[in-house]
Amino acid sequence: MTASALASAPALRIGPLDLDVPVVLAPMAGITNTAFRRLCREYGAGLYVSEMITSRALVERNDTTMRLIRHHESETPRSIQLYGVDPATVAEAVRIIVAEDHADHIDLNFGCPVPKVTRKGGGAALPWKTEPFREIVERAAKASGPLPLTVKMRKGIDDDHLTYLEAGRIAEGAGAAAVALHARTAAQFYSGQADWSAITRLVETVTSIPVLGNGDIWSADDAVRMREETGCAGVVVGRGCLGRPWLFGELATAFGADAPPVDATLGFVASAFRRHAELLVEFFDDEGRGCRDIRKHVAWYFKGYPVGGDTRAALATASSLEEIDALLATLDRDAPYPGAAAEGQRGRAGTPKRPALPDRWLESRLLDDNTTAGLAAAELDHSGG
């Protein structure tokens, strides 16, 4: 490839989708709604995925679900993540998205570690049963037509029951345009350290489509290091951007793209927080609800900054943009970035736990009649990955 061709080549290609930056926003329940996606996009570039959508709820046209799959006109490319356990239902949900032009990319979630899901054989438990996993991906990929369909998964159920290499090969053969690996098991939940060496092994195993890495990307340096160490085609960022939507600007810059400058003073952070609240009010079309939703973000935004407990508590109870403005006006906007105090993990890591699984689930890689009936109950509206 010539130098000029290399310079014009996309940083990441997923099927027909070309991305200028090899970065994907991971779906997070109650977080990655239109408001947050728009905010992240204002700072950087990449692919910004919706909150996880339950296939059955989409097929049944649940009002909340139909609102969650809507994108703002400024969002492009548009991405939706689906969760489901029944091949026919997942395929029908994909057909609806394609026929009604709801998205430009569809992702399938096989990484959810929530006990209410894995106890019924869904989420991170499902790839253990190879044929149902294969059928879901095959039928969804066929239904997606021109839209690229990708798969997000975990290493497996626990260290004794790993599934990711076989699942990667199955997804590749079933028509997936890319696979993403959260390099933890379901048993780890979000605790401990992500095993980036597993991403390397998946890259070596799945060679005809891009492999994306996920887990412990808290900074742009982490993202660059993951690509260098594992050879993955791109990175998926989750908890690291909580209260730091400008991380996507730092990621864009790290990968050679243009992005607005970030100074991370307290004034910069306060402006981002205010913009987030404003976008939530617009998303919900309800000032009170939008201001209630921003409350969970207070600790993340102001981690390490000189914002007193009383002010934090008041921001976490504010019910109007006017109240938020008055509180933000009391801050020392010139306070500099606090360094290490603002770095590190964000969000709940949880603790390792024995995964909840259907009875005798691990005795066979095949799906028997008893567990087939129980899978339908796994389609609950839980996030994870």
Protein backbone atom coordinates (compact mmCIF):
# COMPACT_ATOMS: atom_id res chain seq x y z
CA MET A 1 0.00 0.00 0.00
CA THR A 2 1.37 3.42 -0.96
CA ALA A 3 1.92 6.14 1.63
CA SER A 4 -0.96 8.19 0.23
CA ALA A 5 -3.30 5.18 0.29
CA LEU A 6 -2.24 4.36 3.83
CA ALA A 7 -2.92 7.93 4.94
CA SER A 8 -6.45 7.81 3.49
CA ALA A 9 -7.29 4.32 4.76
CA PRO A 10 -9.84 4.07 7.57
CA ALA A 11 -8.51 3.42 11.06
CA LEU A 12 -11.03 0.60 11.44
CA ARG A 13 -13.27 -1.12 8.90
CA ILE A 14 -16.21 -3.21 10.10
CA GLY A 15 -17.86 -4.67 7.03
CA PRO A 16 -18.81 -1.68 4.85
CA LEU A 17 -18.45 0.70 7.82
CA ASP A 18 -15.31 2.86 7.85
CA LEU A 19 -14.27 4.56 11.10
CA ASP A 20 -11.69 7.34 11.35
CA VAL A 21 -10.74 6.24 14.86
CA PRO A 22 -10.54 2.58 16.03
CA VAL A 23 -12.68 3.26 19.09
CA VAL A 24 -16.10 1.95 20.14
CA LEU A 25 -18.23 3.12 23.07
CA ALA A 26 -19.44 0.06 24.99
CA PRO A 27 -23.16 -0.19 25.75
CA MET A 28 -23.95 0.60 29.40
CA ALA A 29 -27.48 0.45 30.82
CA GLY A 30 -28.79 3.82 31.91
CA ILE A 31 -25.66 5.53 30.57
CA THR A 32 -25.23 5.26 26.81
CA ASN A 33 -28.50 6.89 25.83
CA THR A 34 -28.71 9.47 23.05
CA ALA A 35 -27.64 12.27 25.39
CA PHE A 36 -24.38 10.62 26.44
CA ARG A 37 -23.59 9.40 22.93
CA ARG A 38 -24.02 12.90 21.54
CA LEU A 39 -21.81 14.33 24.26
CA CYS A 40 -19.03 11.81 23.64
CA ARG A 41 -19.23 12.47 19.91
CA GLU A 42 -18.83 16.22 20.49
CA TYR A 43 -15.40 15.49 21.96
CA GLY A 44 -14.16 12.70 19.73
CA ALA A 45 -14.88 10.15 17.04
CA GLY A 46 -15.59 6.46 16.66
CA LEU A 47 -18.63 4.19 16.93
CA TYR A 48 -21.10 4.95 19.73
CA VAL A 49 -23.37 2.05 20.64
CA SER A 50 -26.83 2.30 22.20
CA GLU A 51 -27.87 0.87 25.52
CA MET A 52 -28.50 -2.87 25.27
CA ILE A 53 -31.91 -3.50 23.69
CA THR A 54 -33.85 -6.69 24.43
CA SER A 55 -34.86 -8.35 21.16
CA ARG A 56 -38.23 -9.48 22.43
CA ALA A 57 -39.12 -5.98 23.63
CA LEU A 58 -38.20 -4.59 20.22
CA VAL A 59 -40.27 -7.17 18.37
CA GLU A 60 -43.19 -6.42 20.68
CA ARG A 61 -42.59 -2.67 20.12
CA ASN A 62 -42.35 -1.78 23.76
CA ASP A 63 -42.70 2.02 24.05
CA THR A 64 -39.54 2.50 26.11
CA THR A 65 -37.54 0.27 23.80
CA MET A 66 -38.71 2.07 20.68
CA ARG A 67 -37.62 5.36 22.26
CA LEU A 68 -34.22 3.95 23.19
CA ILE A 69 -33.43 2.87 19.64
CA ARG A 70 -34.01 6.36 18.27
CA HIS A 71 -30.93 8.36 17.36
CA HIS A 72 -30.45 12.10 17.12
CA GLU A 73 -30.03 13.41 13.58
CA SER A 74 -26.41 14.30 14.38
CA GLU A 75 -25.50 10.68 15.14
CA THR A 76 -23.74 8.84 12.36
CA PRO A 77 -23.01 6.02 12.10
CA ARG A 78 -25.87 4.77 14.26
CA SER A 79 -25.34 1.62 16.32
CA ILE A 80 -27.71 -0.62 18.31
CA GLN A 81 -26.80 -3.52 20.56
CA LEU A 82 -29.29 -6.38 20.83
CA TYR A 83 -29.63 -9.03 23.50
CA GLY A 84 -31.60 -12.19 22.94
CA VAL A 85 -31.62 -15.96 23.36
CA ASP A 86 -34.16 -17.11 20.78
CA PRO A 87 -32.76 -17.21 17.22
CA ALA A 88 -36.09 -16.38 15.60
CA THR A 89 -36.77 -13.42 17.89
CA VAL A 90 -33.27 -12.01 17.46
CA ALA A 91 -33.51 -12.35 13.68
CA GLU A 92 -36.90 -10.62 13.65
CA ALA A 93 -35.52 -7.75 15.76
CA VAL A 94 -32.66 -7.38 13.28
CA ARG A 95 -35.11 -7.36 10.35
CA ILE A 96 -37.10 -4.57 12.01
CA ILE A 97 -33.97 -2.47 12.52
CA VAL A 98 -32.95 -2.93 8.88
CA ALA A 99 -36.39 -2.50 7.30
CA GLU A 100 -37.22 0.62 9.32
CA ASP A 101 -33.73 2.14 9.05
CA HIS A 102 -33.04 2.39 12.77
CA ALA A 103 -29.27 1.84 12.59
CA ASP A 104 -26.15 1.43 10.46
CA HIS A 105 -24.60 -1.25 12.67
CA ILE A 106 -25.93 -4.00 14.96
CA ASP A 107 -24.06 -5.68 17.81
CA LEU A 108 -25.10 -8.86 19.63
CA ASN A 109 -24.41 -9.09 23.36
CA PHE A 110 -23.09 -12.40 24.69
CA GLY A 111 -21.21 -10.88 27.60
CA CYS A 112 -23.83 -10.08 30.23
CA PRO A 113 -22.74 -11.55 33.61
CA VAL A 114 -25.87 -10.57 35.56
CA PRO A 115 -27.11 -13.59 37.58
CA LYS A 116 -30.75 -13.12 36.54
CA VAL A 117 -29.61 -13.63 32.94
CA THR A 118 -26.94 -16.32 33.29
CA ARG A 119 -29.15 -18.33 35.68
CA LYS A 120 -31.44 -18.96 32.70
CA GLY A 121 -28.58 -19.65 30.30
CA GLY A 122 -28.40 -16.23 28.66
CA GLY A 123 -25.63 -13.67 28.33
CA ALA A 124 -22.12 -14.90 29.01
CA ALA A 125 -23.49 -18.40 29.70
CA LEU A 126 -24.93 -18.89 26.21
CA PRO A 127 -21.73 -19.45 24.14
CA TRP A 128 -21.15 -22.59 26.24
CA LYS A 129 -23.99 -24.09 24.20
CA THR A 130 -22.37 -23.86 20.79
CA GLU A 131 -25.27 -24.68 18.48
CA PRO A 132 -27.77 -22.13 19.86
CA PHE A 133 -24.97 -19.55 19.77
CA ARG A 134 -24.17 -20.41 16.16
CA GLU A 135 -27.82 -20.30 15.11
CA ILE A 136 -28.42 -16.89 16.69
CA VAL A 137 -25.40 -15.35 14.97
CA GLU A 138 -26.11 -17.02 11.61
CA ARG A 139 -29.76 -15.98 11.48
CA ALA A 140 -29.03 -12.46 12.72
CA ALA A 141 -26.20 -12.00 10.20
CA LYS A 142 -28.44 -13.17 7.38
CA ALA A 143 -31.24 -10.83 8.51
CA SER A 144 -28.88 -7.85 8.79
CA GLY A 145 -28.35 -7.73 5.03
CA PRO A 146 -26.06 -4.80 4.19
CA LEU A 147 -25.65 -3.77 7.82
CA PRO A 148 -22.55 -5.11 9.56
CA LEU A 149 -23.39 -7.37 12.49
CA THR A 150 -20.85 -7.88 15.28
CA VAL A 151 -20.56 -10.02 18.42
CA LYS A 152 -19.45 -8.96 21.89
CA MET A 153 -18.53 -11.67 24.37
CA ARG A 154 -16.48 -12.59 27.44
CA LYS A 155 -13.70 -15.14 27.90
CA GLY A 156 -16.22 -17.62 29.23
CA ILE A 157 -18.13 -18.62 32.32
CA ASP A 158 -15.06 -19.07 34.54
CA ASP A 159 -11.43 -20.08 34.12
CA ASP A 160 -12.41 -23.74 33.86
CA HIS A 161 -15.08 -23.12 31.23
CA LEU A 162 -13.66 -20.77 28.62
CA THR A 163 -15.60 -20.24 25.40
CA TYR A 164 -14.11 -17.25 23.61
CA LEU A 165 -11.84 -18.95 21.08
CA GLU A 166 -14.49 -21.36 19.86
CA ALA A 167 -17.15 -18.63 19.97
CA GLY A 168 -14.86 -16.37 17.94
CA ARG A 169 -14.40 -19.03 15.28
CA ILE A 170 -18.15 -19.71 15.20
CA ALA A 171 -19.01 -16.01 14.89
CA GLU A 172 -16.44 -15.60 12.11
CA GLY A 173 -17.91 -18.51 10.19
CA ALA A 174 -21.50 -17.45 10.84
CA GLY A 175 -21.12 -14.10 9.13
CA ALA A 176 -20.16 -11.66 11.88
CA ALA A 177 -18.29 -8.59 10.62
CA ALA A 178 -16.18 -8.32 13.81
CA VAL A 179 -15.92 -9.75 17.31
CA ALA A 180 -15.19 -7.89 20.54
CA LEU A 181 -13.80 -9.55 23.65
CA HIS A 182 -14.21 -8.27 27.18
CA ALA A 183 -11.18 -10.02 28.59
CA ARG A 184 -12.84 -11.20 31.80
CA THR A 185 -14.98 -14.22 32.63
CA ALA A 186 -18.53 -13.99 33.90
CA ALA A 187 -17.23 -15.14 37.29
CA GLN A 188 -15.00 -12.07 37.49
CA PHE A 189 -17.92 -9.72 36.79
CA TYR A 190 -15.95 -6.43 36.53
CA SER A 191 -13.40 -7.23 39.23
CA GLY A 192 -9.69 -7.89 39.03
CA GLN A 193 -7.61 -7.23 35.97
CA ALA A 194 -8.64 -7.86 32.38
CA ASP A 195 -6.57 -10.58 30.71
CA TRP A 196 -5.28 -8.84 27.61
CA SER A 197 -3.35 -11.97 26.61
CA ALA A 198 -6.74 -13.53 25.80
CA ILE A 199 -7.31 -10.75 23.26
CA THR A 200 -3.97 -11.64 21.68
CA ARG A 201 -5.00 -15.30 21.43
CA LEU A 202 -8.32 -14.34 19.85
CA VAL A 203 -6.52 -12.14 17.30
CA GLU A 204 -4.36 -15.14 16.41
CA THR A 205 -7.45 -17.36 16.11
CA VAL A 206 -9.90 -15.11 14.26
CA THR A 207 -8.03 -13.82 11.24
CA SER A 208 -10.57 -12.83 8.56
CA ILE A 209 -12.51 -10.18 10.53
CA PRO A 210 -11.45 -7.49 13.03
CA VAL A 211 -11.03 -8.39 16.69
CA LEU A 212 -11.72 -5.60 19.18
CA GLY A 213 -10.42 -5.52 22.74
CA ASN A 214 -12.31 -4.45 25.86
CA GLY A 215 -11.32 -4.21 29.51
CA ASP A 216 -9.35 -1.79 31.70
CA ILE A 217 -9.05 1.09 29.26
CA TRP A 218 -8.97 4.03 31.67
CA SER A 219 -6.93 6.39 29.50
CA ALA A 220 -5.81 6.98 25.92
CA ASP A 221 -2.43 5.49 26.85
CA ASP A 222 -4.19 2.27 27.88
CA ALA A 223 -5.95 2.09 24.52
CA VAL A 224 -2.74 2.56 22.55
CA ARG A 225 -0.97 0.00 24.73
CA MET A 226 -3.77 -2.55 24.25
CA ARG A 227 -3.49 -2.33 20.48
CA GLU A 228 0.29 -2.57 20.60
CA GLU A 229 0.34 -5.51 23.02
CA THR A 230 -2.52 -7.55 21.56
CA GLY A 231 -2.65 -6.64 17.88
CA CYS A 232 -6.38 -5.94 18.14
CA ALA A 233 -7.94 -3.83 15.39
CA GLY A 234 -9.73 -1.49 17.77
CA VAL A 235 -10.72 -0.88 21.36
CA VAL A 236 -14.06 -0.86 23.17
CA VAL A 237 -14.32 1.64 26.02
CA GLY A 238 -16.81 1.27 28.86
CA ARG A 239 -16.40 2.43 32.45
CA GLY A 240 -13.33 4.53 31.65
CA CYS A 241 -15.49 7.23 30.08
CA LEU A 242 -17.90 7.59 33.01
CA GLY A 243 -17.73 11.25 33.95
CA ARG A 244 -15.07 11.70 31.25
CA PRO A 245 -16.79 11.99 27.85
CA TRP A 246 -13.75 13.93 26.65
CA LEU A 247 -11.79 10.67 26.84
CA PHE A 248 -12.96 10.13 23.27
CA GLY A 249 -11.18 13.33 22.27
CA GLU A 250 -8.01 12.10 23.94
CA LEU A 251 -8.42 8.74 22.17
CA ALA A 252 -8.90 10.45 18.81
CA THR A 253 -5.74 12.48 19.31
CA ALA A 254 -3.79 9.41 20.44
CA PHE A 255 -4.79 7.60 17.25
CA GLY A 256 -3.82 10.51 15.01
CA ALA A 257 -7.17 12.20 14.42
CA ASP A 258 -8.25 15.77 15.09
CA ALA A 259 -10.22 16.56 18.26
CA PRO A 260 -11.03 19.61 20.39
CA PRO A 261 -8.37 20.41 23.01
CA VAL A 262 -8.87 19.10 26.55
CA ASP A 263 -7.52 21.02 29.54
CA ALA A 264 -9.53 19.16 32.25
CA THR A 265 -9.61 22.13 34.60
CA LEU A 266 -12.57 22.17 36.97
CA GLY A 267 -14.23 24.72 34.70
CA PHE A 268 -13.85 22.38 31.72
CA VAL A 269 -15.37 19.51 33.71
CA ALA A 270 -18.21 21.68 35.02
CA SER A 271 -19.08 22.74 31.46
CA ALA A 272 -19.15 19.09 30.35
CA PHE A 273 -21.39 18.18 33.28
CA ARG A 274 -23.76 21.05 32.44
CA ARG A 275 -23.88 20.05 28.78
CA HIS A 276 -24.65 16.46 29.77
CA ALA A 277 -27.54 17.63 31.97
CA GLU A 278 -28.88 19.78 29.15
CA LEU A 279 -28.79 16.90 26.67
CA LEU A 280 -30.53 14.60 29.17
CA VAL A 281 -33.32 17.15 29.59
CA GLU A 282 -33.70 17.20 25.80
CA PHE A 283 -33.59 13.39 25.58
CA PHE A 284 -36.29 12.85 28.20
CA ASP A 285 -38.20 15.98 27.15
CA ASP A 286 -38.59 16.56 30.88
CA GLU A 287 -36.35 18.88 32.90
CA GLY A 288 -37.02 17.16 36.19
CA ARG A 289 -36.29 13.71 34.85
CA GLY A 290 -33.16 14.85 33.04
CA CYS A 291 -31.83 16.50 36.19
CA ARG A 292 -32.58 13.38 38.20
CA ASP A 293 -30.72 11.24 35.69
CA ILE A 294 -27.56 13.36 35.82
CA ARG A 295 -27.31 12.79 39.56
CA LYS A 296 -25.63 9.39 39.18
CA HIS A 297 -22.85 11.05 37.20
CA VAL A 298 -21.83 13.60 39.86
CA ALA A 299 -19.20 11.48 41.62
CA TRP A 300 -17.68 10.37 38.31
CA TYR A 301 -17.33 13.86 36.87
CA PHE A 302 -15.84 15.45 39.96
CA LYS A 303 -13.64 12.56 41.11
CA GLY A 304 -10.45 14.06 42.58
CA TYR A 305 -11.48 17.69 42.09
CA PRO A 306 -11.86 20.22 44.94
CA VAL A 307 -15.64 20.06 45.12
CA GLY A 308 -16.94 19.94 48.68
CA GLY A 309 -19.29 17.31 50.02
CA ASP A 310 -22.12 19.80 50.45
CA THR A 311 -21.85 20.90 46.83
CA ARG A 312 -21.69 17.31 45.60
CA ALA A 313 -24.76 16.43 47.66
CA ALA A 314 -26.63 19.45 46.32
CA LEU A 315 -25.77 18.56 42.72
CA ALA A 316 -27.01 15.04 43.43
CA THR A 317 -30.40 16.40 44.50
CA ALA A 318 -30.83 19.30 42.05
CA SER A 319 -34.12 19.22 40.19
CA SER A 320 -33.62 21.98 37.60
CA LEU A 321 -30.95 23.35 35.30
CA GLU A 322 -31.20 26.64 37.16
CA GLU A 323 -30.22 24.92 40.40
CA ILE A 324 -27.35 23.15 38.67
CA ASP A 325 -26.12 26.45 37.19
CA ALA A 326 -26.17 28.15 40.59
CA LEU A 327 -24.15 25.32 42.15
CA LEU A 328 -21.61 25.18 39.35
CA ALA A 329 -21.11 28.94 39.67
CA THR A 330 -19.68 28.43 43.16
CA LEU A 331 -16.80 26.25 41.90
CA ASP A 332 -13.23 27.41 41.37
CA ARG A 333 -13.22 27.01 37.61
CA ASP A 334 -9.45 27.58 37.43
CA ALA A 335 -8.67 24.59 39.65
CA PRO A 336 -6.25 22.43 37.63
CA TYR A 337 -6.51 18.80 36.69
CA PRO A 338 -5.77 16.86 39.90
CA GLY A 339 -3.72 14.12 38.25
CA ALA A 340 -3.73 10.67 39.86
CA ALA A 341 -6.68 11.53 42.11
CA ALA A 342 -8.91 11.68 39.03
CA GLU A 343 -7.48 8.59 37.36
CA GLY A 344 -8.12 4.88 37.74
CA GLN A 345 -11.26 2.81 37.87
CA ARG A 346 -14.72 4.25 37.57
CA GLY A 347 -18.01 2.52 38.19
CA ARG A 348 -18.61 -0.55 40.30
CA ALA A 349 -16.18 -3.40 39.88
CA GLY A 350 -18.03 -5.89 42.06
CA THR A 351 -16.36 -9.00 43.38
CA PRO A 352 -15.68 -12.42 41.85
CA LYS A 353 -18.61 -14.75 42.30
CA ARG A 354 -19.71 -18.16 41.19
CA PRO A 355 -21.90 -17.63 38.12
CA ALA A 356 -25.55 -18.51 38.48
CA LEU A 357 -26.37 -21.15 35.87
CA PRO A 358 -29.24 -23.52 35.04
CA ASP A 359 -29.05 -26.92 36.67
CA ARG A 360 -26.44 -29.19 35.06
CA TRP A 361 -25.66 -26.49 32.47
CA LEU A 362 -21.95 -27.29 32.39
CA GLU A 363 -22.36 -31.03 31.95
CA SER A 364 -22.72 -30.74 28.18
CA ARG A 365 -22.07 -28.27 25.37
CA LEU A 366 -25.40 -29.37 23.88
CA LEU A 367 -28.76 -27.78 24.70
CA ASP A 368 -31.34 -30.24 26.03
CA ASP A 369 -35.13 -29.88 26.11
CA ASN A 370 -35.23 -28.83 29.75
CA THR A 371 -32.95 -25.85 29.30
CA THR A 372 -34.43 -24.83 25.94
CA ALA A 373 -37.71 -23.96 27.62
CA GLY A 374 -35.95 -21.90 30.27
CA LEU A 375 -33.97 -19.72 27.87
CA ALA A 376 -36.96 -17.52 27.09
CA ALA A 377 -36.92 -16.23 30.66
CA ALA A 378 -33.38 -14.94 30.14
CA GLU A 379 -34.58 -12.08 27.97
CA LEU A 380 -34.53 -9.53 30.76
CA ASP A 381 -33.53 -5.91 30.38
CA HIS A 382 -30.10 -6.13 31.99
CA SER A 383 -26.86 -4.69 30.72
CA GLY A 384 -23.36 -6.02 30.88
CA GLY A 385 -20.55 -7.25 28.77
